[in-house]
Amino acid sequence: MPVTDDDRPPLDEVRLRRETGPFWRPRIVAETGSTNTDVAASCDGEPEGLVVLAESQTAGRGRLGRAWQSPPRAGLALSVLLRPTVDVARWGWLPLLAGVALAEAVRAVAGLEAGLKWPNDLLLDGRKCAGLLAEVPQPGAVVIGIGLNVTLAADELPITPSGLPATSLNLAGARSVDRTALAAALLSRLRDRYQQWQAAGGDPETSGIRETYVRLCATVGREVSVSLPDGSALTGTATTVDPDGRLILATPDGTLRPIAAGDILHLR
């Protein structure tokens, strides 16, 4: 059955503010090119907690400049501004932390067993349902963008550049596709995870974020192929994610290789 406008109500900003508390300052726009660009352009002198949510995003960006967009009101497209006070060397955990918050929100609201593909994709039954992108537009500021497919029909799904098939919460059988509830759950969990991480001085062990990320990570324990930034490639078994947020790969010769950046393909 085709999805209609009645199946895609607008986000409720009043409800969102009420359900997320004073830390966040959500602002909903009808359409924008990129919520990450909007937040980055607004961050001069802006305290952390700004959130821009777009009903339609026409030029969203993923890793490596990849596009991310969906029909109006069919997904969540949002970006948040954070100003971490911990050592910048720990900031690499922020997109992983946001991924945990997103997976927890999808599990709580949609009732689906969401997992994480290192470093920044949310998976449902091996299909990509969301992506995250963290950027540092100026010293002291981090913008994290999240794009989640909520009610996209099969013929509306994007083609993912990595070849990983896409899905949406609706196609995966979600018990709820209430975008306001999803956004509220995501922002509440992101706030809690972020504040715990900050209180622990950015320590992924003390804050519990590494343990939770590894538990939710669908890449750990899988045979994978890694395309590295220099154009080379590795294959092996992903064994864990280390305290620096790097994927640890056991290669066929028994070497353990830390991977700080790369495109991951799950082989089986």
Protein backbone atom coordinates (compact mmCIF):
# COMPACT_ATOMS: atom_id res chain seq x y z
CA MET A 1 0.00 0.00 0.00
CA PRO A 2 1.46 3.41 -0.94
CA VAL A 3 2.51 5.73 1.86
CA THR A 4 0.38 8.88 2.04
CA ASP A 5 0.86 12.28 3.65
CA ASP A 6 -1.43 11.12 6.47
CA ASP A 7 1.17 8.48 7.30
CA ARG A 8 3.83 11.18 7.57
CA PRO A 9 2.67 13.83 10.05
CA PRO A 10 4.97 16.77 10.79
CA LEU A 11 7.27 16.84 13.78
CA ASP A 12 5.77 18.38 16.91
CA GLU A 13 8.22 20.99 18.24
CA VAL A 14 6.23 21.76 21.41
CA ARG A 15 6.10 18.08 22.35
CA LEU A 16 9.75 17.64 21.46
CA ARG A 17 10.79 20.48 23.76
CA ARG A 18 8.63 19.11 26.55
CA GLU A 19 10.00 15.57 26.26
CA THR A 20 13.71 16.41 25.91
CA GLY A 21 14.10 18.94 28.72
CA PRO A 22 16.15 22.15 28.94
CA PHE A 23 19.50 20.84 27.63
CA TRP A 24 18.33 20.82 24.01
CA ARG A 25 16.97 23.75 21.98
CA PRO A 26 15.24 22.11 19.00
CA ARG A 27 14.36 24.12 15.92
CA ILE A 28 12.33 22.52 13.13
CA VAL A 29 12.61 23.79 9.56
CA ALA A 30 10.47 22.76 6.60
CA GLU A 31 13.41 22.29 4.23
CA THR A 32 17.14 22.80 4.15
CA GLY A 33 20.14 21.66 2.22
CA SER A 34 22.01 20.18 5.18
CA THR A 35 21.25 20.36 8.89
CA ASN A 36 24.98 19.96 9.61
CA THR A 37 25.71 23.04 7.49
CA ASP A 38 22.95 24.99 9.25
CA VAL A 39 24.22 24.18 12.74
CA ALA A 40 27.84 24.85 11.76
CA ALA A 41 26.82 28.26 10.36
CA SER A 42 25.01 29.09 13.63
CA CYS A 43 27.65 27.97 16.09
CA ASP A 44 29.52 31.28 16.55
CA GLY A 45 28.86 32.12 20.19
CA GLU A 46 26.04 29.57 20.36
CA PRO A 47 26.05 27.39 23.49
CA GLU A 48 25.80 23.64 23.10
CA GLY A 49 22.37 22.09 22.83
CA LEU A 50 21.22 23.63 19.55
CA VAL A 51 19.32 21.08 17.43
CA VAL A 52 18.15 21.66 13.85
CA LEU A 53 15.64 19.16 12.47
CA ALA A 54 14.51 19.32 8.84
CA GLU A 55 11.28 17.90 7.46
CA SER A 56 13.06 17.74 4.10
CA GLN A 57 16.82 17.71 3.53
CA THR A 58 17.98 18.17 -0.05
CA ALA A 59 21.77 18.04 0.25
CA GLY A 60 22.55 16.01 3.35
CA ARG A 61 26.11 14.74 3.68
CA GLY A 62 27.55 11.48 4.89
CA ARG A 63 31.13 10.33 5.26
CA LEU A 64 33.45 11.02 2.32
CA GLY A 65 31.00 13.59 0.92
CA ARG A 66 28.28 11.04 0.21
CA ALA A 67 24.70 12.26 -0.15
CA TRP A 68 21.88 11.46 2.26
CA GLN A 69 18.32 12.58 1.50
CA SER A 70 14.74 11.32 1.68
CA PRO A 71 11.20 12.42 0.81
CA PRO A 72 9.58 15.08 3.05
CA ARG A 73 8.62 13.81 6.54
CA ALA A 74 9.77 10.27 5.69
CA GLY A 75 12.75 10.25 8.02
CA LEU A 76 14.65 12.06 10.71
CA ALA A 77 17.29 14.53 9.56
CA LEU A 78 18.84 16.38 12.47
CA SER A 79 22.09 17.87 13.70
CA VAL A 80 23.18 18.85 17.20
CA LEU A 81 25.84 21.21 18.53
CA LEU A 82 28.09 20.02 21.35
CA ARG A 83 30.99 21.75 23.07
CA PRO A 84 32.97 19.02 24.84
CA THR A 85 35.25 20.08 27.68
CA VAL A 86 37.27 16.86 27.67
CA ASP A 87 40.61 16.41 25.91
CA VAL A 88 40.19 16.67 22.14
CA ALA A 89 41.96 13.32 21.79
CA ARG A 90 38.77 11.72 23.18
CA TRP A 91 36.43 13.39 20.69
CA GLY A 92 36.57 10.46 18.30
CA TRP A 93 34.14 8.73 20.63
CA LEU A 94 31.38 11.26 19.96
CA PRO A 95 30.00 9.74 16.71
CA LEU A 96 30.21 6.27 18.30
CA LEU A 97 28.41 7.58 21.38
CA ALA A 98 25.72 9.12 19.16
CA GLY A 99 25.36 5.79 17.37
CA VAL A 100 24.71 4.07 20.68
CA ALA A 101 22.05 6.66 21.55
CA LEU A 102 20.40 6.15 18.15
CA ALA A 103 20.40 2.35 18.45
CA GLU A 104 18.94 2.57 21.95
CA ALA A 105 16.21 4.96 20.76
CA VAL A 106 15.24 2.73 17.82
CA ARG A 107 15.10 -0.30 20.09
CA ALA A 108 12.96 1.54 22.66
CA VAL A 109 10.48 3.24 20.29
CA ALA A 110 10.40 1.02 17.19
CA GLY A 111 11.01 -2.27 19.01
CA LEU A 112 13.65 -3.37 16.49
CA GLU A 113 17.00 -5.05 17.17
CA ALA A 114 19.17 -2.26 15.81
CA GLY A 115 22.91 -2.80 15.55
CA LEU A 116 25.87 -0.63 14.62
CA LYS A 117 28.26 -1.06 11.72
CA TRP A 118 31.59 0.51 12.64
CA PRO A 119 32.00 3.39 12.65
CA ASN A 120 28.80 5.23 11.78
CA ASP A 121 25.91 3.21 10.32
CA LEU A 122 22.81 1.79 11.99
CA LEU A 123 21.75 -1.62 10.69
CA LEU A 124 18.50 -3.58 10.78
CA ASP A 125 18.84 -7.20 9.62
CA GLY A 126 22.08 -6.28 7.84
CA ARG A 127 20.55 -3.34 5.98
CA LYS A 128 21.47 0.30 6.48
CA CYS A 129 18.76 2.37 8.12
CA ALA A 130 20.74 5.40 9.32
CA GLY A 131 24.07 7.16 9.08
CA LEU A 132 25.93 9.63 11.27
CA LEU A 133 28.47 12.33 10.50
CA ALA A 134 30.52 14.32 13.03
CA GLU A 135 32.32 17.52 12.03
CA VAL A 136 34.40 20.15 13.87
CA PRO A 137 33.43 23.48 12.25
CA GLN A 138 35.55 25.54 14.66
CA PRO A 139 37.75 24.88 17.70
CA GLY A 140 35.69 23.76 20.67
CA ALA A 141 32.57 22.83 18.68
CA VAL A 142 31.35 19.50 17.34
CA VAL A 143 28.34 19.06 15.06
CA ILE A 144 26.81 15.60 14.83
CA GLY A 145 24.34 14.90 12.04
CA ILE A 146 22.00 11.92 11.94
CA GLY A 147 19.83 10.70 9.08
CA LEU A 148 17.32 7.92 9.85
CA ASN A 149 14.96 6.26 7.35
CA VAL A 150 11.58 6.04 9.07
CA THR A 151 8.66 5.51 6.65
CA LEU A 152 10.45 5.24 3.31
CA ALA A 153 8.85 2.71 0.96
CA ALA A 154 11.00 0.24 -0.98
CA ASP A 155 10.97 2.40 -4.11
CA GLU A 156 12.05 5.47 -2.11
CA LEU A 157 15.15 3.95 -0.52
CA PRO A 158 18.50 5.53 -1.42
CA ILE A 159 21.22 3.59 -3.18
CA THR A 160 24.08 3.36 -0.71
CA PRO A 161 27.51 4.02 -2.29
CA SER A 162 29.05 1.09 -0.41
CA GLY A 163 26.52 -1.30 -1.92
CA LEU A 164 24.99 -2.11 1.47
CA PRO A 165 21.23 -2.47 0.93
CA ALA A 166 19.04 0.13 2.61
CA THR A 167 15.86 -0.19 4.65
CA SER A 168 13.52 1.89 6.79
CA LEU A 169 11.94 1.35 10.19
CA ASN A 170 8.57 0.83 8.53
CA LEU A 171 9.88 -1.80 6.12
CA ALA A 172 11.61 -3.57 9.01
CA GLY A 173 8.31 -3.93 10.88
CA ALA A 174 8.60 -1.18 13.50
CA ARG A 175 5.90 -1.14 16.16
CA SER A 176 5.95 2.68 16.01
CA VAL A 177 7.14 5.16 13.38
CA ASP A 178 6.30 8.27 15.44
CA ARG A 179 9.12 10.60 14.39
CA THR A 180 8.61 12.99 17.31
CA ALA A 181 8.88 10.08 19.76
CA LEU A 182 11.98 8.81 17.95
CA ALA A 183 13.61 12.25 17.99
CA ALA A 184 12.79 12.74 21.68
CA ALA A 185 14.16 9.32 22.62
CA LEU A 186 17.31 9.91 20.57
CA LEU A 187 17.99 13.34 22.06
CA SER A 188 17.30 12.18 25.62
CA ARG A 189 19.66 9.23 25.29
CA LEU A 190 22.29 11.31 23.53
CA ARG A 191 22.17 13.88 26.34
CA ASP A 192 22.52 11.17 29.01
CA ARG A 193 25.35 9.35 27.23
CA TYR A 194 27.17 12.60 26.51
CA GLN A 195 26.92 13.85 30.08
CA GLN A 196 28.13 10.52 31.47
CA TRP A 197 31.08 10.60 29.06
CA GLN A 198 31.88 14.20 30.00
CA ALA A 199 31.65 13.41 33.74
CA ALA A 200 34.16 10.60 33.19
CA GLY A 201 36.61 12.99 31.49
CA GLY A 202 35.89 11.35 28.14
CA ASP A 203 37.07 7.94 29.37
CA PRO A 204 35.16 5.35 27.32
CA GLU A 205 35.67 2.65 29.94
CA THR A 206 34.59 4.59 33.04
CA SER A 207 31.61 6.09 31.22
CA GLY A 208 30.54 2.64 29.98
CA ILE A 209 30.30 3.77 26.37
CA ARG A 210 32.92 1.38 25.00
CA GLU A 211 31.30 -1.67 26.58
CA THR A 212 27.88 -0.69 25.24
CA TYR A 213 29.20 0.15 21.78
CA VAL A 214 31.00 -3.21 21.47
CA ARG A 215 27.84 -5.02 22.58
CA LEU A 216 25.74 -3.24 19.94
CA CYS A 217 28.36 -3.38 17.19
CA ALA A 218 27.36 -5.81 14.43
CA THR A 219 30.87 -5.55 12.94
CA VAL A 220 32.61 -7.16 15.93
CA GLY A 221 33.03 -10.88 15.37
CA ARG A 222 32.48 -10.61 11.61
CA GLU A 223 34.83 -11.32 8.74
CA VAL A 224 35.25 -7.99 6.99
CA SER A 225 37.05 -6.25 4.17
CA VAL A 226 38.45 -2.80 4.93
CA SER A 227 39.16 -0.18 2.25
CA LEU A 228 41.75 2.14 3.78
CA PRO A 229 42.11 5.88 3.00
CA ASP A 230 45.40 5.24 1.13
CA GLY A 231 43.61 2.97 -1.36
CA SER A 232 44.86 -0.32 0.08
CA ALA A 233 42.60 -3.02 1.49
CA LEU A 234 42.68 -5.55 4.30
CA THR A 235 40.58 -8.56 5.20
CA GLY A 236 40.25 -10.25 8.54
CA THR A 237 38.03 -10.69 11.56
CA ALA A 238 36.89 -7.67 13.55
CA THR A 239 37.64 -8.58 17.16
CA THR A 240 36.73 -5.48 19.18
CA VAL A 241 36.81 -1.68 19.34
CA ASP A 242 39.72 -0.36 21.39
CA PRO A 243 39.71 2.52 23.93
CA ASP A 244 40.60 4.94 21.12
CA GLY A 245 37.51 3.94 19.13
CA ARG A 246 39.55 2.02 16.56
CA LEU A 247 38.34 -1.27 15.07
CA ILE A 248 40.79 -4.08 15.84
CA LEU A 249 41.24 -6.43 12.90
CA ALA A 250 42.79 -9.89 13.19
CA THR A 251 44.40 -10.52 9.80
CA PRO A 252 44.95 -14.02 8.35
CA ASP A 253 48.62 -13.98 9.43
CA GLY A 254 47.58 -13.44 13.07
CA THR A 255 48.46 -9.74 13.22
CA LEU A 256 46.14 -7.42 15.12
CA ARG A 257 45.67 -4.21 13.13
CA PRO A 258 43.99 -1.12 14.61
CA ILE A 259 41.82 0.63 12.01
CA ALA A 260 41.20 4.32 12.70
CA ALA A 261 39.38 5.07 9.42
CA GLY A 262 38.14 3.03 6.50
CA ASP A 263 35.12 1.66 4.67
CA ILE A 264 33.98 -1.65 6.12
CA LEU A 265 32.28 -4.42 4.13
CA HIS A 266 30.75 -7.29 6.12
CA LEU A 267 31.70 -10.47 4.28
CA ARG A 268 29.65 -12.96 6.27
